[in-house]
mmCIF file of all heavy atoms, coordinates in Angstrom:
data_MODEL
# 
_entry.id   MODEL 
# 
loop_
_atom_site.group_PDB 
_atom_site.id 
_atom_site.type_symbol 
_atom_site.label_atom_id 
_atom_site.label_alt_id 
_atom_site.label_comp_id 
_atom_site.label_asym_id 
_atom_site.label_entity_id 
_atom_site.label_seq_id 
_atom_site.pdbx_PDB_ins_code 
_atom_site.Cartn_x 
_atom_site.Cartn_y 
_atom_site.Cartn_z 
_atom_site.occupancy 
_atom_site.B_iso_or_equiv 
_atom_site.pdbx_formal_charge 
_atom_site.auth_seq_id 
_atom_site.auth_comp_id 
_atom_site.auth_asym_id 
_atom_site.auth_atom_id 
_atom_site.pdbx_PDB_model_num 
ATOM 1   N N   . TYR A 1 1  ? 0.831  -1.210 0.000   1.00 0.00 ? 1  TYR A N   1 
ATOM 2   C CA  . TYR A 1 1  ? 0.000  0.000  0.000   1.00 0.00 ? 1  TYR A CA  1 
ATOM 3   C C   . TYR A 1 1  ? 0.865  1.260  0.000   1.00 0.00 ? 1  TYR A C   1 
ATOM 4   O O   . TYR A 1 1  ? 0.506  2.258  -0.639  1.00 0.00 ? 1  TYR A O   1 
ATOM 5   C CB  . TYR A 1 1  ? -0.958 0.006  1.187   1.00 0.00 ? 1  TYR A CB  1 
ATOM 6   C CG  . TYR A 1 1  ? -2.236 -0.727 0.901   1.00 0.00 ? 1  TYR A CG  1 
ATOM 7   C CD1 . TYR A 1 1  ? -2.536 -1.931 1.523   1.00 0.00 ? 1  TYR A CD1 1 
ATOM 8   C CD2 . TYR A 1 1  ? -3.152 -0.216 -0.015  1.00 0.00 ? 1  TYR A CD2 1 
ATOM 9   C CE1 . TYR A 1 1  ? -3.699 -2.615 1.246   1.00 0.00 ? 1  TYR A CE1 1 
ATOM 10  C CE2 . TYR A 1 1  ? -4.327 -0.898 -0.307  1.00 0.00 ? 1  TYR A CE2 1 
ATOM 11  C CZ  . TYR A 1 1  ? -4.597 -2.096 0.336   1.00 0.00 ? 1  TYR A CZ  1 
ATOM 12  O OH  . TYR A 1 1  ? -5.748 -2.776 0.037   1.00 0.00 ? 1  TYR A OH  1 
ATOM 13  N N   . TYR A 1 2  ? 1.974  1.228  0.682   1.00 0.00 ? 2  TYR A N   1 
ATOM 14  C CA  . TYR A 1 2  ? 2.898  2.361  0.661   1.00 0.00 ? 2  TYR A CA  1 
ATOM 15  C C   . TYR A 1 2  ? 3.325  2.649  -0.776  1.00 0.00 ? 2  TYR A C   1 
ATOM 16  O O   . TYR A 1 2  ? 3.354  3.800  -1.230  1.00 0.00 ? 2  TYR A O   1 
ATOM 17  C CB  . TYR A 1 2  ? 4.104  2.026  1.537   1.00 0.00 ? 2  TYR A CB  1 
ATOM 18  C CG  . TYR A 1 2  ? 5.049  3.159  1.858   1.00 0.00 ? 2  TYR A CG  1 
ATOM 19  C CD1 . TYR A 1 2  ? 4.654  4.492  1.852   1.00 0.00 ? 2  TYR A CD1 1 
ATOM 20  C CD2 . TYR A 1 2  ? 6.379  2.869  2.215   1.00 0.00 ? 2  TYR A CD2 1 
ATOM 21  C CE1 . TYR A 1 2  ? 5.538  5.512  2.171   1.00 0.00 ? 2  TYR A CE1 1 
ATOM 22  C CE2 . TYR A 1 2  ? 7.271  3.884  2.544   1.00 0.00 ? 2  TYR A CE2 1 
ATOM 23  C CZ  . TYR A 1 2  ? 6.847  5.207  2.518   1.00 0.00 ? 2  TYR A CZ  1 
ATOM 24  O OH  . TYR A 1 2  ? 7.730  6.208  2.837   1.00 0.00 ? 2  TYR A OH  1 
ATOM 25  N N   . TYR A 1 3  ? 3.625  1.583  -1.511  1.00 0.00 ? 3  TYR A N   1 
ATOM 26  C CA  . TYR A 1 3  ? 4.038  1.718  -2.912  1.00 0.00 ? 3  TYR A CA  1 
ATOM 27  C C   . TYR A 1 3  ? 2.902  2.240  -3.790  1.00 0.00 ? 3  TYR A C   1 
ATOM 28  O O   . TYR A 1 3  ? 3.070  3.222  -4.530  1.00 0.00 ? 3  TYR A O   1 
ATOM 29  C CB  . TYR A 1 3  ? 4.513  0.370  -3.445  1.00 0.00 ? 3  TYR A CB  1 
ATOM 30  C CG  . TYR A 1 3  ? 4.747  0.344  -4.937  1.00 0.00 ? 3  TYR A CG  1 
ATOM 31  C CD1 . TYR A 1 3  ? 5.831  1.010  -5.502  1.00 0.00 ? 3  TYR A CD1 1 
ATOM 32  C CD2 . TYR A 1 3  ? 3.874  -0.331 -5.783  1.00 0.00 ? 3  TYR A CD2 1 
ATOM 33  C CE1 . TYR A 1 3  ? 6.039  1.004  -6.874  1.00 0.00 ? 3  TYR A CE1 1 
ATOM 34  C CE2 . TYR A 1 3  ? 4.073  -0.354 -7.150  1.00 0.00 ? 3  TYR A CE2 1 
ATOM 35  C CZ  . TYR A 1 3  ? 5.158  0.321  -7.694  1.00 0.00 ? 3  TYR A CZ  1 
ATOM 36  O OH  . TYR A 1 3  ? 5.354  0.313  -9.048  1.00 0.00 ? 3  TYR A OH  1 
ATOM 37  N N   . SER A 1 4  ? 1.737  1.605  -3.714  1.00 0.00 ? 4  SER A N   1 
ATOM 38  C CA  . SER A 1 4  ? 0.637  2.017  -4.594  1.00 0.00 ? 4  SER A CA  1 
ATOM 39  C C   . SER A 1 4  ? 0.162  3.422  -4.251  1.00 0.00 ? 4  SER A C   1 
ATOM 40  O O   . SER A 1 4  ? -0.208 4.192  -5.144  1.00 0.00 ? 4  SER A O   1 
ATOM 41  C CB  . SER A 1 4  ? -0.524 1.021  -4.523  1.00 0.00 ? 4  SER A CB  1 
ATOM 42  O OG  . SER A 1 4  ? -1.062 0.937  -3.220  1.00 0.00 ? 4  SER A OG  1 
ATOM 43  N N   . ASN A 1 5  ? 0.213  3.784  -2.965  1.00 0.00 ? 5  ASN A N   1 
ATOM 44  C CA  . ASN A 1 5  ? -0.142 5.151  -2.576  1.00 0.00 ? 5  ASN A CA  1 
ATOM 45  C C   . ASN A 1 5  ? 0.828  6.160  -3.195  1.00 0.00 ? 5  ASN A C   1 
ATOM 46  O O   . ASN A 1 5  ? 0.413  7.226  -3.680  1.00 0.00 ? 5  ASN A O   1 
ATOM 47  C CB  . ASN A 1 5  ? -0.112 5.305  -1.059  1.00 0.00 ? 5  ASN A CB  1 
ATOM 48  C CG  . ASN A 1 5  ? -1.277 4.617  -0.372  1.00 0.00 ? 5  ASN A CG  1 
ATOM 49  O OD1 . ASN A 1 5  ? -2.243 4.215  -1.019  1.00 0.00 ? 5  ASN A OD1 1 
ATOM 50  N ND2 . ASN A 1 5  ? -1.199 4.479  0.938   1.00 0.00 ? 5  ASN A ND2 1 
ATOM 51  N N   . ALA A 1 6  ? 2.116  5.834  -3.178  1.00 0.00 ? 6  ALA A N   1 
ATOM 52  C CA  . ALA A 1 6  ? 3.114  6.742  -3.750  1.00 0.00 ? 6  ALA A CA  1 
ATOM 53  C C   . ALA A 1 6  ? 2.890  6.923  -5.252  1.00 0.00 ? 6  ALA A C   1 
ATOM 54  O O   . ALA A 1 6  ? 3.019  8.030  -5.783  1.00 0.00 ? 6  ALA A O   1 
ATOM 55  C CB  . ALA A 1 6  ? 4.525  6.221  -3.475  1.00 0.00 ? 6  ALA A CB  1 
ATOM 56  N N   . LYS A 1 7  ? 2.531  5.838  -5.943  1.00 0.00 ? 7  LYS A N   1 
ATOM 57  C CA  . LYS A 1 7  ? 2.258  5.930  -7.378  1.00 0.00 ? 7  LYS A CA  1 
ATOM 58  C C   . LYS A 1 7  ? 1.054  6.838  -7.644  1.00 0.00 ? 7  LYS A C   1 
ATOM 59  O O   . LYS A 1 7  ? 1.074  7.665  -8.565  1.00 0.00 ? 7  LYS A O   1 
ATOM 60  C CB  . LYS A 1 7  ? 1.989  4.534  -7.944  1.00 0.00 ? 7  LYS A CB  1 
ATOM 61  C CG  . LYS A 1 7  ? 3.183  3.586  -7.888  1.00 0.00 ? 7  LYS A CG  1 
ATOM 62  C CD  . LYS A 1 7  ? 4.208  3.895  -8.951  1.00 0.00 ? 7  LYS A CD  1 
ATOM 63  C CE  . LYS A 1 7  ? 3.737  3.440  -10.313 1.00 0.00 ? 7  LYS A CE  1 
ATOM 64  N NZ  . LYS A 1 7  ? 4.783  3.645  -11.350 1.00 0.00 ? 7  LYS A NZ  1 
ATOM 65  N N   . ILE A 1 8  ? 0.011  6.676  -6.833  1.00 0.00 ? 8  ILE A N   1 
ATOM 66  C CA  . ILE A 1 8  ? -1.177 7.516  -7.003  1.00 0.00 ? 8  ILE A CA  1 
ATOM 67  C C   . ILE A 1 8  ? -0.861 8.968  -6.664  1.00 0.00 ? 8  ILE A C   1 
ATOM 68  O O   . ILE A 1 8  ? -1.295 9.898  -7.370  1.00 0.00 ? 8  ILE A O   1 
ATOM 69  C CB  . ILE A 1 8  ? -2.323 6.978  -6.125  1.00 0.00 ? 8  ILE A CB  1 
ATOM 70  C CG1 . ILE A 1 8  ? -2.829 5.654  -6.698  1.00 0.00 ? 8  ILE A CG1 1 
ATOM 71  C CG2 . ILE A 1 8  ? -3.458 7.998  -6.019  1.00 0.00 ? 8  ILE A CG2 1 
ATOM 72  C CD1 . ILE A 1 8  ? -3.786 4.913  -5.794  1.00 0.00 ? 8  ILE A CD1 1 
ATOM 73  N N   . MET A 1 9  ? -0.086 9.184  -5.604  1.00 0.00 ? 9  MET A N   1 
ATOM 74  C CA  . MET A 1 9  ? 0.261  10.548 -5.197  1.00 0.00 ? 9  MET A CA  1 
ATOM 75  C C   . MET A 1 9  ? 1.035  11.267 -6.306  1.00 0.00 ? 9  MET A C   1 
ATOM 76  O O   . MET A 1 9  ? 0.872  12.476 -6.498  1.00 0.00 ? 9  MET A O   1 
ATOM 77  C CB  . MET A 1 9  ? 1.060  10.524 -3.907  1.00 0.00 ? 9  MET A CB  1 
ATOM 78  C CG  . MET A 1 9  ? 0.263  10.125 -2.677  1.00 0.00 ? 9  MET A CG  1 
ATOM 79  S SD  . MET A 1 9  ? -1.022 11.311 -2.215  1.00 0.00 ? 9  MET A SD  1 
ATOM 80  C CE  . MET A 1 9  ? -0.011 12.639 -1.546  1.00 0.00 ? 9  MET A CE  1 
ATOM 81  N N   . ALA A 1 10 ? 1.873  10.545 -7.027  1.00 0.00 ? 10 ALA A N   1 
ATOM 82  C CA  . ALA A 1 10 ? 2.615  11.156 -8.130  1.00 0.00 ? 10 ALA A CA  1 
ATOM 83  C C   . ALA A 1 10 ? 1.656  11.653 -9.210  1.00 0.00 ? 10 ALA A C   1 
ATOM 84  O O   . ALA A 1 10 ? 1.824  12.756 -9.762  1.00 0.00 ? 10 ALA A O   1 
ATOM 85  C CB  . ALA A 1 10 ? 3.610  10.160 -8.710  1.00 0.00 ? 10 ALA A CB  1 
ATOM 86  N N   . LYS A 1 11 ? 0.613  10.858 -9.502  1.00 0.00 ? 11 LYS A N   1 
ATOM 87  C CA  . LYS A 1 11 ? -0.372 11.269 -10.503 1.00 0.00 ? 11 LYS A CA  1 
ATOM 88  C C   . LYS A 1 11 ? -1.180 12.467 -10.006 1.00 0.00 ? 11 LYS A C   1 
ATOM 89  O O   . LYS A 1 11 ? -1.469 13.398 -10.763 1.00 0.00 ? 11 LYS A O   1 
ATOM 90  C CB  . LYS A 1 11 ? -1.292 10.099 -10.834 1.00 0.00 ? 11 LYS A CB  1 
ATOM 91  C CG  . LYS A 1 11 ? -0.581 8.923  -11.484 1.00 0.00 ? 11 LYS A CG  1 
ATOM 92  C CD  . LYS A 1 11 ? -1.519 7.737  -11.660 1.00 0.00 ? 11 LYS A CD  1 
ATOM 93  C CE  . LYS A 1 11 ? -0.784 6.536  -12.225 1.00 0.00 ? 11 LYS A CE  1 
ATOM 94  N NZ  . LYS A 1 11 ? -1.660 5.339  -12.323 1.00 0.00 ? 11 LYS A NZ  1 
ATOM 95  N N   . CYS A 1 12 ? -1.542 12.434 -8.727  1.00 0.00 ? 12 CYS A N   1 
ATOM 96  C CA  . CYS A 1 12 ? -2.319 13.539 -8.160  1.00 0.00 ? 12 CYS A CA  1 
ATOM 97  C C   . CYS A 1 12 ? -1.488 14.817 -8.100  1.00 0.00 ? 12 CYS A C   1 
ATOM 98  O O   . CYS A 1 12 ? -2.013 15.919 -8.311  1.00 0.00 ? 12 CYS A O   1 
ATOM 99  C CB  . CYS A 1 12 ? -2.818 13.177 -6.765  1.00 0.00 ? 12 CYS A CB  1 
ATOM 100 S SG  . CYS A 1 12 ? -4.031 11.837 -6.722  1.00 0.00 ? 12 CYS A SG  1 
ATOM 101 N N   . ALA A 1 13 ? -0.193 14.671 -7.811  1.00 0.00 ? 13 ALA A N   1 
ATOM 102 C CA  . ALA A 1 13 ? 0.674  15.846 -7.714  1.00 0.00 ? 13 ALA A CA  1 
ATOM 103 C C   . ALA A 1 13 ? 0.715  16.619 -9.021  1.00 0.00 ? 13 ALA A C   1 
ATOM 104 O O   . ALA A 1 13 ? 0.787  17.851 -9.017  1.00 0.00 ? 13 ALA A O   1 
ATOM 105 C CB  . ALA A 1 13 ? 2.089  15.416 -7.291  1.00 0.00 ? 13 ALA A CB  1 
ATOM 106 N N   . VAL A 1 14 ? 0.675  15.911 -10.128 1.00 0.00 ? 14 VAL A N   1 
ATOM 107 C CA  . VAL A 1 14 ? 0.655  16.576 -11.436 1.00 0.00 ? 14 VAL A CA  1 
ATOM 108 C C   . VAL A 1 14 ? -0.570 17.476 -11.534 1.00 0.00 ? 14 VAL A C   1 
ATOM 109 O O   . VAL A 1 14 ? -0.480 18.638 -11.969 1.00 0.00 ? 14 VAL A O   1 
ATOM 110 C CB  . VAL A 1 14 ? 0.659  15.536 -12.573 1.00 0.00 ? 14 VAL A CB  1 
ATOM 111 C CG1 . VAL A 1 14 ? 0.481  16.218 -13.919 1.00 0.00 ? 14 VAL A CG1 1 
ATOM 112 C CG2 . VAL A 1 14 ? 1.957  14.733 -12.552 1.00 0.00 ? 14 VAL A CG2 1 
ATOM 113 N N   . MET A 1 15 ? -1.712 16.951 -11.111 1.00 0.00 ? 15 MET A N   1 
ATOM 114 C CA  . MET A 1 15 ? -2.947 17.743 -11.169 1.00 0.00 ? 15 MET A CA  1 
ATOM 115 C C   . MET A 1 15 ? -2.912 18.930 -10.219 1.00 0.00 ? 15 MET A C   1 
ATOM 116 O O   . MET A 1 15 ? -3.511 19.971 -10.483 1.00 0.00 ? 15 MET A O   1 
ATOM 117 C CB  . MET A 1 15 ? -4.146 16.855 -10.833 1.00 0.00 ? 15 MET A CB  1 
ATOM 118 C CG  . MET A 1 15 ? -4.438 15.797 -11.875 1.00 0.00 ? 15 MET A CG  1 
ATOM 119 S SD  . MET A 1 15 ? -5.975 14.911 -11.525 1.00 0.00 ? 15 MET A SD  1 
ATOM 120 C CE  . MET A 1 15 ? -5.451 13.837 -10.196 1.00 0.00 ? 15 MET A CE  1 
ATOM 121 N N   . MET A 1 16 ? -2.186 18.764 -9.094  1.00 0.00 ? 16 MET A N   1 
ATOM 122 C CA  . MET A 1 16 ? -2.130 19.822 -8.084  1.00 0.00 ? 16 MET A CA  1 
ATOM 123 C C   . MET A 1 16 ? -0.955 20.773 -8.306  1.00 0.00 ? 16 MET A C   1 
ATOM 124 O O   . MET A 1 16 ? -0.677 21.641 -7.479  1.00 0.00 ? 16 MET A O   1 
ATOM 125 C CB  . MET A 1 16 ? -2.024 19.186 -6.689  1.00 0.00 ? 16 MET A CB  1 
ATOM 126 C CG  . MET A 1 16 ? -3.175 18.246 -6.342  1.00 0.00 ? 16 MET A CG  1 
ATOM 127 S SD  . MET A 1 16 ? -4.791 19.046 -6.383  1.00 0.00 ? 16 MET A SD  1 
ATOM 128 C CE  . MET A 1 16 ? -4.625 20.207 -5.030  1.00 0.00 ? 16 MET A CE  1 
ATOM 129 N N   . ASN A 1 17 ? -0.257 20.592 -9.442  1.00 0.00 ? 17 ASN A N   1 
ATOM 130 C CA  . ASN A 1 17 ? 0.907  21.427 -9.770  1.00 0.00 ? 17 ASN A CA  1 
ATOM 131 C C   . ASN A 1 17 ? 1.966  21.381 -8.667  1.00 0.00 ? 17 ASN A C   1 
ATOM 132 O O   . ASN A 1 17 ? 2.570  22.396 -8.312  1.00 0.00 ? 17 ASN A O   1 
ATOM 133 C CB  . ASN A 1 17 ? 0.477  22.873 -10.033 1.00 0.00 ? 17 ASN A CB  1 
ATOM 134 C CG  . ASN A 1 17 ? -0.370 22.996 -11.284 1.00 0.00 ? 17 ASN A CG  1 
ATOM 135 O OD1 . ASN A 1 17 ? -0.047 22.414 -12.321 1.00 0.00 ? 17 ASN A OD1 1 
ATOM 136 N ND2 . ASN A 1 17 ? -1.472 23.723 -11.184 1.00 0.00 ? 17 ASN A ND2 1 
ATOM 137 N N   . GLU A 1 18 ? 2.181  20.189 -8.127  1.00 0.00 ? 18 GLU A N   1 
ATOM 138 C CA  . GLU A 1 18 ? 3.203  19.984 -7.114  1.00 0.00 ? 18 GLU A CA  1 
ATOM 139 C C   . GLU A 1 18 ? 4.218  18.963 -7.609  1.00 0.00 ? 18 GLU A C   1 
ATOM 140 O O   . GLU A 1 18 ? 4.131  18.476 -8.737  1.00 0.00 ? 18 GLU A O   1 
ATOM 141 C CB  . GLU A 1 18 ? 2.564  19.568 -5.789  1.00 0.00 ? 18 GLU A CB  1 
ATOM 142 C CG  . GLU A 1 18 ? 1.693  20.671 -5.193  1.00 0.00 ? 18 GLU A CG  1 
ATOM 143 C CD  . GLU A 1 18 ? 1.367  20.451 -3.728  1.00 0.00 ? 18 GLU A CD  1 
ATOM 144 O OE1 . GLU A 1 18 ? 2.061  19.651 -3.069  1.00 0.00 ? 18 GLU A OE1 1 
ATOM 145 O OE2 . GLU A 1 18 ? 0.407  21.082 -3.239  1.00 0.00 ? 18 GLU A OE2 1 
ATOM 146 N N   . ASP A 1 19 ? 5.189  18.632 -6.772  1.00 0.00 ? 19 ASP A N   1 
ATOM 147 C CA  . ASP A 1 19 ? 6.351  17.854 -7.188  1.00 0.00 ? 19 ASP A CA  1 
ATOM 148 C C   . ASP A 1 19 ? 6.020  16.366 -7.320  1.00 0.00 ? 19 ASP A C   1 
ATOM 149 O O   . ASP A 1 19 ? 6.074  15.617 -6.344  1.00 0.00 ? 19 ASP A O   1 
ATOM 150 C CB  . ASP A 1 19 ? 7.491  18.065 -6.185  1.00 0.00 ? 19 ASP A CB  1 
ATOM 151 C CG  . ASP A 1 19 ? 8.779  17.376 -6.619  1.00 0.00 ? 19 ASP A CG  1 
ATOM 152 O OD1 . ASP A 1 19 ? 8.851  16.921 -7.782  1.00 0.00 ? 19 ASP A OD1 1 
ATOM 153 O OD2 . ASP A 1 19 ? 9.712  17.289 -5.799  1.00 0.00 ? 19 ASP A OD2 1 
ATOM 154 N N   . ALA A 1 20 ? 5.682  15.944 -8.529  1.00 0.00 ? 20 ALA A N   1 
ATOM 155 C CA  . ALA A 1 20 ? 5.399  14.529 -8.766  1.00 0.00 ? 20 ALA A CA  1 
ATOM 156 C C   . ALA A 1 20 ? 6.657  13.686 -8.667  1.00 0.00 ? 20 ALA A C   1 
ATOM 157 O O   . ALA A 1 20 ? 6.593  12.514 -8.279  1.00 0.00 ? 20 ALA A O   1 
ATOM 158 C CB  . ALA A 1 20 ? 4.755  14.346 -10.135 1.00 0.00 ? 20 ALA A CB  1 
ATOM 159 N N   . ALA A 1 21 ? 7.808  14.260 -8.988  1.00 0.00 ? 21 ALA A N   1 
ATOM 160 C CA  . ALA A 1 21 ? 9.066  13.495 -8.985  1.00 0.00 ? 21 ALA A CA  1 
ATOM 161 C C   . ALA A 1 21 ? 9.372  12.939 -7.604  1.00 0.00 ? 21 ALA A C   1 
ATOM 162 O O   . ALA A 1 21 ? 9.948  11.849 -7.485  1.00 0.00 ? 21 ALA A O   1 
ATOM 163 C CB  . ALA A 1 21 ? 10.212 14.369 -9.473  1.00 0.00 ? 21 ALA A CB  1 
ATOM 164 N N   . TYR A 1 22 ? 8.995  13.675 -6.567  1.00 0.00 ? 22 TYR A N   1 
ATOM 165 C CA  . TYR A 1 22 ? 9.244  13.199 -5.191  1.00 0.00 ? 22 TYR A CA  1 
ATOM 166 C C   . TYR A 1 22 ? 8.559  11.859 -4.962  1.00 0.00 ? 22 TYR A C   1 
ATOM 167 O O   . TYR A 1 22 ? 9.156  10.908 -4.438  1.00 0.00 ? 22 TYR A O   1 
ATOM 168 C CB  . TYR A 1 22 ? 8.738  14.234 -4.181  1.00 0.00 ? 22 TYR A CB  1 
ATOM 169 C CG  . TYR A 1 22 ? 8.706  13.716 -2.757  1.00 0.00 ? 22 TYR A CG  1 
ATOM 170 C CD1 . TYR A 1 22 ? 9.879  13.642 -1.996  1.00 0.00 ? 22 TYR A CD1 1 
ATOM 171 C CD2 . TYR A 1 22 ? 7.511  13.294 -2.179  1.00 0.00 ? 22 TYR A CD2 1 
ATOM 172 C CE1 . TYR A 1 22 ? 9.845  13.155 -0.693  1.00 0.00 ? 22 TYR A CE1 1 
ATOM 173 C CE2 . TYR A 1 22 ? 7.471  12.804 -0.877  1.00 0.00 ? 22 TYR A CE2 1 
ATOM 174 C CZ  . TYR A 1 22 ? 8.640  12.745 -0.145  1.00 0.00 ? 22 TYR A CZ  1 
ATOM 175 O OH  . TYR A 1 22 ? 8.609  12.252 1.146   1.00 0.00 ? 22 TYR A OH  1 
ATOM 176 N N   . TYR A 1 23 ? 7.300  11.761 -5.365  1.00 0.00 ? 23 TYR A N   1 
ATOM 177 C CA  . TYR A 1 23 ? 6.548  10.524 -5.142  1.00 0.00 ? 23 TYR A CA  1 
ATOM 178 C C   . TYR A 1 23 ? 6.958  9.433  -6.122  1.00 0.00 ? 23 TYR A C   1 
ATOM 179 O O   . TYR A 1 23 ? 6.941  8.246  -5.788  1.00 0.00 ? 23 TYR A O   1 
ATOM 180 C CB  . TYR A 1 23 ? 5.050  10.807 -5.229  1.00 0.00 ? 23 TYR A CB  1 
ATOM 181 C CG  . TYR A 1 23 ? 4.553  11.679 -4.100  1.00 0.00 ? 23 TYR A CG  1 
ATOM 182 C CD1 . TYR A 1 23 ? 4.173  13.002 -4.326  1.00 0.00 ? 23 TYR A CD1 1 
ATOM 183 C CD2 . TYR A 1 23 ? 4.485  11.192 -2.796  1.00 0.00 ? 23 TYR A CD2 1 
ATOM 184 C CE1 . TYR A 1 23 ? 3.726  13.806 -3.278  1.00 0.00 ? 23 TYR A CE1 1 
ATOM 185 C CE2 . TYR A 1 23 ? 4.044  11.988 -1.748  1.00 0.00 ? 23 TYR A CE2 1 
ATOM 186 C CZ  . TYR A 1 23 ? 3.670  13.293 -1.998  1.00 0.00 ? 23 TYR A CZ  1 
ATOM 187 O OH  . TYR A 1 23 ? 3.242  14.084 -0.954  1.00 0.00 ? 23 TYR A OH  1 
ATOM 188 N N   . GLU A 1 24 ? 7.314  9.798  -7.336  1.00 0.00 ? 24 GLU A N   1 
ATOM 189 C CA  . GLU A 1 24 ? 7.798  8.803  -8.294  1.00 0.00 ? 24 GLU A CA  1 
ATOM 190 C C   . GLU A 1 24 ? 9.084  8.157  -7.788  1.00 0.00 ? 24 GLU A C   1 
ATOM 191 O O   . GLU A 1 24 ? 9.266  6.935  -7.877  1.00 0.00 ? 24 GLU A O   1 
ATOM 192 C CB  . GLU A 1 24 ? 8.028  9.462  -9.650  1.00 0.00 ? 24 GLU A CB  1 
ATOM 193 C CG  . GLU A 1 24 ? 6.746  9.891  -10.348 1.00 0.00 ? 24 GLU A CG  1 
ATOM 194 C CD  . GLU A 1 24 ? 7.007  10.767 -11.551 1.00 0.00 ? 24 GLU A CD  1 
ATOM 195 O OE1 . GLU A 1 24 ? 8.183  11.150 -11.766 1.00 0.00 ? 24 GLU A OE1 1 
ATOM 196 O OE2 . GLU A 1 24 ? 6.041  11.082 -12.279 1.00 0.00 ? 24 GLU A OE2 1 
ATOM 197 N N   . ASP A 1 25 ? 9.992  8.979  -7.262  1.00 0.00 ? 25 ASP A N   1 
ATOM 198 C CA  . ASP A 1 25 ? 11.247 8.469  -6.713  1.00 0.00 ? 25 ASP A CA  1 
ATOM 199 C C   . ASP A 1 25 ? 10.988 7.597  -5.494  1.00 0.00 ? 25 ASP A C   1 
ATOM 200 O O   . ASP A 1 25 ? 11.596 6.528  -5.332  1.00 0.00 ? 25 ASP A O   1 
ATOM 201 C CB  . ASP A 1 25 ? 12.165 9.636  -6.347  1.00 0.00 ? 25 ASP A CB  1 
ATOM 202 C CG  . ASP A 1 25 ? 13.493 9.171  -5.770  1.00 0.00 ? 25 ASP A CG  1 
ATOM 203 O OD1 . ASP A 1 25 ? 14.262 8.517  -6.521  1.00 0.00 ? 25 ASP A OD1 1 
ATOM 204 O OD2 . ASP A 1 25 ? 13.766 9.444  -4.582  1.00 0.00 ? 25 ASP A OD2 1 
ATOM 205 N N   . LEU A 1 26 ? 10.065 8.036  -4.637  1.00 0.00 ? 26 LEU A N   1 
ATOM 206 C CA  . LEU A 1 26 ? 9.712  7.247  -3.455  1.00 0.00 ? 26 LEU A CA  1 
ATOM 207 C C   . LEU A 1 26 ? 9.143  5.897  -3.856  1.00 0.00 ? 26 LEU A C   1 
ATOM 208 O O   . LEU A 1 26 ? 9.531  4.858  -3.301  1.00 0.00 ? 26 LEU A O   1 
ATOM 209 C CB  . LEU A 1 26 ? 8.691  8.018  -2.611  1.00 0.00 ? 26 LEU A CB  1 
ATOM 210 C CG  . LEU A 1 26 ? 8.121  7.288  -1.395  1.00 0.00 ? 26 LEU A CG  1 
ATOM 211 C CD1 . LEU A 1 26 ? 9.227  6.942  -0.401  1.00 0.00 ? 26 LEU A CD1 1 
ATOM 212 C CD2 . LEU A 1 26 ? 7.032  8.131  -0.718  1.00 0.00 ? 26 LEU A CD2 1 
# 
């Protein structure tokens, strides 16, 4: 779940104009 949450957060970050790379790297 930690992994799948991080993947989803990266997609959401793009929509929120925030740092998707942080979550992709995580």
